[in-house]
N, C-alpha and C. Protein backbone atom coordinates (compact mmCIF):
# COMPACT_ATOMS: atom_id res chain seq x y z
N UNK A 1 0.84 -1.19 0.00
CA UNK A 1 0.00 0.00 0.00
C UNK A 1 0.88 1.25 0.00
N UNK A 2 0.49 2.22 -0.77
CA UNK A 2 1.24 3.46 -0.88
C UNK A 2 1.18 4.26 0.41
N UNK A 3 2.30 4.91 0.76
CA UNK A 3 2.26 5.77 1.95
C UNK A 3 1.22 6.89 1.84
N UNK A 4 0.87 7.28 0.61
CA UNK A 4 -0.10 8.36 0.43
C UNK A 4 -1.51 7.92 0.81
N UNK A 5 -1.72 6.62 0.98
CA UNK A 5 -3.02 6.14 1.43
C UNK A 5 -3.17 6.28 2.95
N UNK A 6 -2.06 6.52 3.61
CA UNK A 6 -2.08 6.67 5.06
C UNK A 6 -2.58 8.07 5.42
N UNK A 7 -3.62 8.19 6.24
CA UNK A 7 -4.17 9.50 6.59
C UNK A 7 -3.14 10.45 7.22
N UNK A 8 -2.25 9.93 8.06
CA UNK A 8 -1.24 10.80 8.70
C UNK A 8 -0.26 11.33 7.66
N UNK A 9 0.14 10.48 6.72
CA UNK A 9 1.05 10.91 5.65
C UNK A 9 0.39 11.98 4.80
N UNK A 10 -0.88 11.78 4.48
CA UNK A 10 -1.60 12.78 3.68
C UNK A 10 -1.72 14.10 4.42
N UNK A 11 -1.94 14.07 5.74
CA UNK A 11 -2.03 15.31 6.52
C UNK A 11 -0.68 16.03 6.52
N UNK A 12 0.40 15.27 6.70
CA UNK A 12 1.74 15.87 6.67
C UNK A 12 2.00 16.49 5.30
N UNK A 13 1.62 15.78 4.24
CA UNK A 13 1.82 16.31 2.89
C UNK A 13 0.98 17.56 2.68
N UNK A 14 -0.23 17.57 3.18
CA UNK A 14 -1.09 18.76 3.06
C UNK A 14 -0.46 19.95 3.78
N UNK A 15 0.09 19.70 4.95
CA UNK A 15 0.78 20.78 5.69
C UNK A 15 1.99 21.28 4.91
N UNK A 16 2.75 20.35 4.35
CA UNK A 16 3.92 20.73 3.55
C UNK A 16 3.51 21.53 2.32
N UNK A 17 2.44 21.11 1.67
CA UNK A 17 1.96 21.83 0.49
C UNK A 17 1.49 23.23 0.85
N UNK A 18 0.84 23.37 2.00
CA UNK A 18 0.41 24.70 2.45
C UNK A 18 1.62 25.60 2.67
N UNK A 19 2.68 25.04 3.29
CA UNK A 19 3.90 25.82 3.50
C UNK A 19 4.52 26.22 2.16
N UNK A 20 4.59 25.26 1.24
CA UNK A 20 5.16 25.54 -0.08
C UNK A 20 4.36 26.61 -0.81
N UNK A 21 3.04 26.51 -0.75
CA UNK A 21 2.19 27.49 -1.40
C UNK A 21 2.48 28.90 -0.86
N UNK A 22 2.54 29.02 0.45
CA UNK A 22 2.78 30.33 1.05
C UNK A 22 4.17 30.87 0.70
N UNK A 23 5.16 30.01 0.71
CA UNK A 23 6.52 30.45 0.39
C UNK A 23 6.61 30.92 -1.06
N UNK A 24 6.01 30.18 -1.97
CA UNK A 24 6.01 30.57 -3.38
C UNK A 24 5.18 31.82 -3.58
N UNK A 25 4.06 31.93 -2.88
CA UNK A 25 3.23 33.14 -2.98
C UNK A 25 4.01 34.38 -2.55
N UNK A 26 4.75 34.25 -1.44
CA UNK A 26 5.55 35.38 -0.97
C UNK A 26 6.70 35.69 -1.93
N UNK A 27 7.25 34.68 -2.58
CA UNK A 27 8.27 34.91 -3.60
C UNK A 27 7.67 35.68 -4.77
N UNK A 28 6.45 35.35 -5.14
CA UNK A 28 5.77 36.07 -6.22
C UNK A 28 5.49 37.52 -5.83
N UNK A 29 5.15 37.74 -4.57
CA UNK A 29 4.96 39.12 -4.08
C UNK A 29 6.27 39.89 -4.23
N UNK A 30 7.37 39.26 -3.82
CA UNK A 30 8.68 39.92 -3.94
C UNK A 30 9.03 40.18 -5.40
N UNK A 31 8.73 39.24 -6.28
CA UNK A 31 9.01 39.44 -7.71
C UNK A 31 8.15 40.56 -8.28
N UNK A 32 6.92 40.69 -7.79
CA UNK A 32 6.07 41.81 -8.21
C UNK A 32 6.67 43.15 -7.78
N UNK A 33 7.20 43.18 -6.56
CA UNK A 33 7.87 44.40 -6.08
C UNK A 33 9.10 44.69 -6.94
N UNK A 34 9.82 43.64 -7.31
CA UNK A 34 11.01 43.82 -8.15
C UNK A 34 10.62 44.39 -9.51
N UNK A 35 9.52 43.91 -10.06
CA UNK A 35 9.05 44.43 -11.34
C UNK A 35 8.71 45.91 -11.21
N UNK A 36 8.02 46.28 -10.14
CA UNK A 36 7.71 47.68 -9.90
C UNK A 36 8.99 48.50 -9.75
N UNK A 37 9.96 47.95 -9.04
CA UNK A 37 11.23 48.66 -8.86
C UNK A 37 11.90 48.89 -10.21
N UNK A 38 11.88 47.89 -11.06
CA UNK A 38 12.48 48.04 -12.39
C UNK A 38 11.77 49.13 -13.19
N UNK A 39 10.45 49.18 -13.08
CA UNK A 39 9.69 50.22 -13.78
C UNK A 39 10.06 51.60 -13.26
N UNK A 40 10.16 51.73 -11.96
CA UNK A 40 10.51 53.01 -11.36
C UNK A 40 11.90 53.44 -11.81
N UNK A 41 12.83 52.51 -11.75
CA UNK A 41 14.19 52.85 -12.16
C UNK A 41 14.24 53.22 -13.63
N UNK A 42 13.49 52.54 -14.46
CA UNK A 42 13.46 52.86 -15.88
C UNK A 42 12.92 54.27 -16.10
N UNK A 43 11.86 54.63 -15.38
CA UNK A 43 11.29 55.97 -15.48
C UNK A 43 12.28 56.99 -14.93
N UNK A 44 12.83 56.69 -13.74
CA UNK A 44 13.73 57.62 -13.07
C UNK A 44 15.00 57.87 -13.89
N UNK A 45 15.48 56.85 -14.55
CA UNK A 45 16.70 56.98 -15.34
C UNK A 45 16.45 57.44 -16.76
N UNK A 46 15.19 57.72 -17.08
CA UNK A 46 14.86 58.25 -18.40
C UNK A 46 14.75 57.21 -19.49
N UNK A 47 14.64 55.95 -19.11
CA UNK A 47 14.52 54.90 -20.12
C UNK A 47 13.13 54.85 -20.71
N UNK A 48 12.16 55.35 -19.99
CA UNK A 48 10.78 55.38 -20.45
C UNK A 48 10.22 56.76 -20.18
N UNK A 49 9.13 57.05 -20.84
CA UNK A 49 8.47 58.31 -20.59
C UNK A 49 7.78 58.30 -19.24
N UNK A 50 7.37 59.47 -18.75
CA UNK A 50 6.69 59.55 -17.46
C UNK A 50 5.38 58.75 -17.49
N UNK A 51 5.03 58.19 -16.38
CA UNK A 51 3.80 57.42 -16.24
C UNK A 51 2.99 57.99 -15.09
N UNK A 52 1.71 57.78 -15.15
CA UNK A 52 0.83 58.29 -14.08
C UNK A 52 1.18 57.69 -12.74
N UNK A 53 1.65 56.46 -12.73
CA UNK A 53 1.94 55.77 -11.47
C UNK A 53 3.32 56.11 -10.90
N UNK A 54 4.07 56.92 -11.58
CA UNK A 54 5.46 57.15 -11.16
C UNK A 54 5.55 57.59 -9.70
N UNK A 55 4.74 58.54 -9.29
CA UNK A 55 4.82 59.03 -7.91
C UNK A 55 4.50 57.92 -6.91
N UNK A 56 3.46 57.12 -7.20
CA UNK A 56 3.10 56.03 -6.29
C UNK A 56 4.22 55.01 -6.22
N UNK A 57 4.77 54.64 -7.36
CA UNK A 57 5.84 53.65 -7.38
C UNK A 57 7.09 54.18 -6.69
N UNK A 58 7.38 55.44 -6.89
CA UNK A 58 8.55 56.02 -6.22
C UNK A 58 8.36 55.99 -4.71
N UNK A 59 7.14 56.24 -4.26
CA UNK A 59 6.87 56.17 -2.83
C UNK A 59 7.06 54.77 -2.29
N UNK A 60 6.62 53.78 -3.06
CA UNK A 60 6.78 52.39 -2.64
C UNK A 60 8.25 52.01 -2.60
N UNK A 61 8.99 52.43 -3.56
CA UNK A 61 10.39 52.03 -3.70
C UNK A 61 11.36 52.89 -2.88
N UNK A 62 10.98 54.07 -2.52
CA UNK A 62 11.88 55.02 -1.86
C UNK A 62 13.14 55.24 -2.70
N UNK A 63 12.91 55.44 -4.00
CA UNK A 63 14.04 55.52 -4.92
C UNK A 63 14.25 56.94 -5.43
N UNK A 64 14.50 57.86 -4.51
CA UNK A 64 14.75 59.22 -4.97
C UNK A 64 16.10 59.32 -5.68
N UNK A 65 17.00 58.40 -5.34
CA UNK A 65 18.29 58.33 -6.03
C UNK A 65 18.43 56.97 -6.68
N UNK A 66 18.94 56.90 -7.91
CA UNK A 66 19.07 55.60 -8.57
C UNK A 66 19.86 54.58 -7.76
N UNK A 67 20.90 55.00 -7.07
CA UNK A 67 21.71 54.05 -6.29
C UNK A 67 20.86 53.40 -5.20
N UNK A 68 20.03 54.20 -4.53
CA UNK A 68 19.14 53.65 -3.50
C UNK A 68 18.13 52.70 -4.13
N UNK A 69 17.62 53.07 -5.29
CA UNK A 69 16.66 52.22 -5.98
C UNK A 69 17.28 50.88 -6.36
N UNK A 70 18.51 50.90 -6.82
CA UNK A 70 19.19 49.66 -7.18
C UNK A 70 19.43 48.79 -5.94
N UNK A 71 19.73 49.42 -4.82
CA UNK A 71 19.94 48.66 -3.58
C UNK A 71 18.64 48.01 -3.13
N UNK A 72 17.54 48.76 -3.20
CA UNK A 72 16.24 48.21 -2.83
C UNK A 72 15.89 47.06 -3.77
N UNK A 73 16.11 47.24 -5.07
CA UNK A 73 15.84 46.19 -6.04
C UNK A 73 16.66 44.95 -5.71
N UNK A 74 17.91 45.12 -5.39
CA UNK A 74 18.77 43.98 -5.03
C UNK A 74 18.22 43.25 -3.81
N UNK A 75 17.82 43.98 -2.79
CA UNK A 75 17.28 43.37 -1.57
C UNK A 75 16.01 42.58 -1.87
N UNK A 76 15.16 43.13 -2.72
CA UNK A 76 13.92 42.44 -3.09
C UNK A 76 14.24 41.15 -3.84
N UNK A 77 15.18 41.22 -4.78
CA UNK A 77 15.54 40.03 -5.55
C UNK A 77 16.19 38.96 -4.67
N UNK A 78 17.00 39.39 -3.70
CA UNK A 78 17.60 38.43 -2.77
C UNK A 78 16.51 37.71 -1.97
N UNK A 79 15.52 38.47 -1.51
CA UNK A 79 14.41 37.86 -0.77
C UNK A 79 13.68 36.83 -1.64
N UNK A 80 13.37 37.20 -2.87
CA UNK A 80 12.67 36.27 -3.77
C UNK A 80 13.51 35.03 -4.02
N UNK A 81 14.80 35.22 -4.26
CA UNK A 81 15.69 34.09 -4.53
C UNK A 81 15.74 33.14 -3.33
N UNK A 82 15.89 33.67 -2.14
CA UNK A 82 15.94 32.82 -0.94
C UNK A 82 14.65 32.04 -0.74
N UNK A 83 13.52 32.71 -0.96
CA UNK A 83 12.24 32.02 -0.80
C UNK A 83 12.10 30.90 -1.82
N UNK A 84 12.48 31.17 -3.06
CA UNK A 84 12.38 30.14 -4.10
C UNK A 84 13.34 28.99 -3.84
N UNK A 85 14.54 29.30 -3.36
CA UNK A 85 15.49 28.23 -3.03
C UNK A 85 14.97 27.35 -1.89
N UNK A 86 14.40 27.98 -0.85
CA UNK A 86 13.84 27.20 0.26
C UNK A 86 12.68 26.34 -0.23
N UNK A 87 11.82 26.93 -1.05
CA UNK A 87 10.67 26.18 -1.56
C UNK A 87 11.14 25.02 -2.44
N UNK A 88 12.14 25.25 -3.26
CA UNK A 88 12.65 24.20 -4.14
C UNK A 88 13.23 23.05 -3.31
N UNK A 89 14.03 23.37 -2.33
CA UNK A 89 14.64 22.33 -1.49
C UNK A 89 13.55 21.54 -0.76
N UNK A 90 12.58 22.24 -0.22
CA UNK A 90 11.51 21.57 0.52
C UNK A 90 10.65 20.72 -0.41
N UNK A 91 10.39 21.23 -1.61
CA UNK A 91 9.59 20.47 -2.58
C UNK A 91 10.29 19.18 -2.95
N UNK A 92 11.59 19.24 -3.18
CA UNK A 92 12.34 18.02 -3.52
C UNK A 92 12.28 17.04 -2.36
N UNK A 93 12.44 17.55 -1.15
CA UNK A 93 12.45 16.71 0.04
C UNK A 93 11.09 16.04 0.26
N UNK A 94 10.03 16.76 0.04
CA UNK A 94 8.69 16.28 0.38
C UNK A 94 8.00 15.59 -0.80
N UNK A 95 8.10 16.18 -1.97
CA UNK A 95 7.32 15.69 -3.10
C UNK A 95 7.97 14.53 -3.85
N UNK A 96 9.29 14.54 -3.96
CA UNK A 96 9.94 13.45 -4.70
C UNK A 96 9.63 12.08 -4.11
N UNK A 97 9.73 11.90 -2.80
CA UNK A 97 9.38 10.58 -2.24
C UNK A 97 7.92 10.20 -2.52
N UNK A 98 7.03 11.15 -2.43
CA UNK A 98 5.61 10.86 -2.68
C UNK A 98 5.39 10.45 -4.14
N UNK A 99 6.04 11.12 -5.05
CA UNK A 99 5.91 10.80 -6.46
C UNK A 99 6.57 9.46 -6.77
N UNK A 100 7.72 9.23 -6.19
CA UNK A 100 8.44 7.99 -6.41
C UNK A 100 7.63 6.79 -5.91
N UNK A 101 6.99 6.94 -4.75
CA UNK A 101 6.19 5.85 -4.17
C UNK A 101 5.00 5.51 -5.06
N UNK A 102 4.40 6.53 -5.65
CA UNK A 102 3.21 6.30 -6.50
C UNK A 102 3.59 5.81 -7.89
N UNK A 103 4.78 6.23 -8.36
CA UNK A 103 5.21 5.99 -9.73
C UNK A 103 5.34 4.57 -10.06
């Protein structure tokens, strides 16, 4: 009988999946912030024309100076990378055995 038929194993897997979902969701939030930061920097550095959202995005990014904006962007990307790395490691640890057992 597959371990996935065991109610306790399924509960543990459900808990692990909930953790993975939240970690990936937060990584996506960070990537969204990074995208906004890139837009702000592009506007601030003259790569694009002015946009209506520029003031709002600048407030979110605190990028009055390009160097500060690049630092904030770096910090956001580091956060996203760490979250994705943790999620990837956990997914391999949790999901590979479950898939292998069923396969």
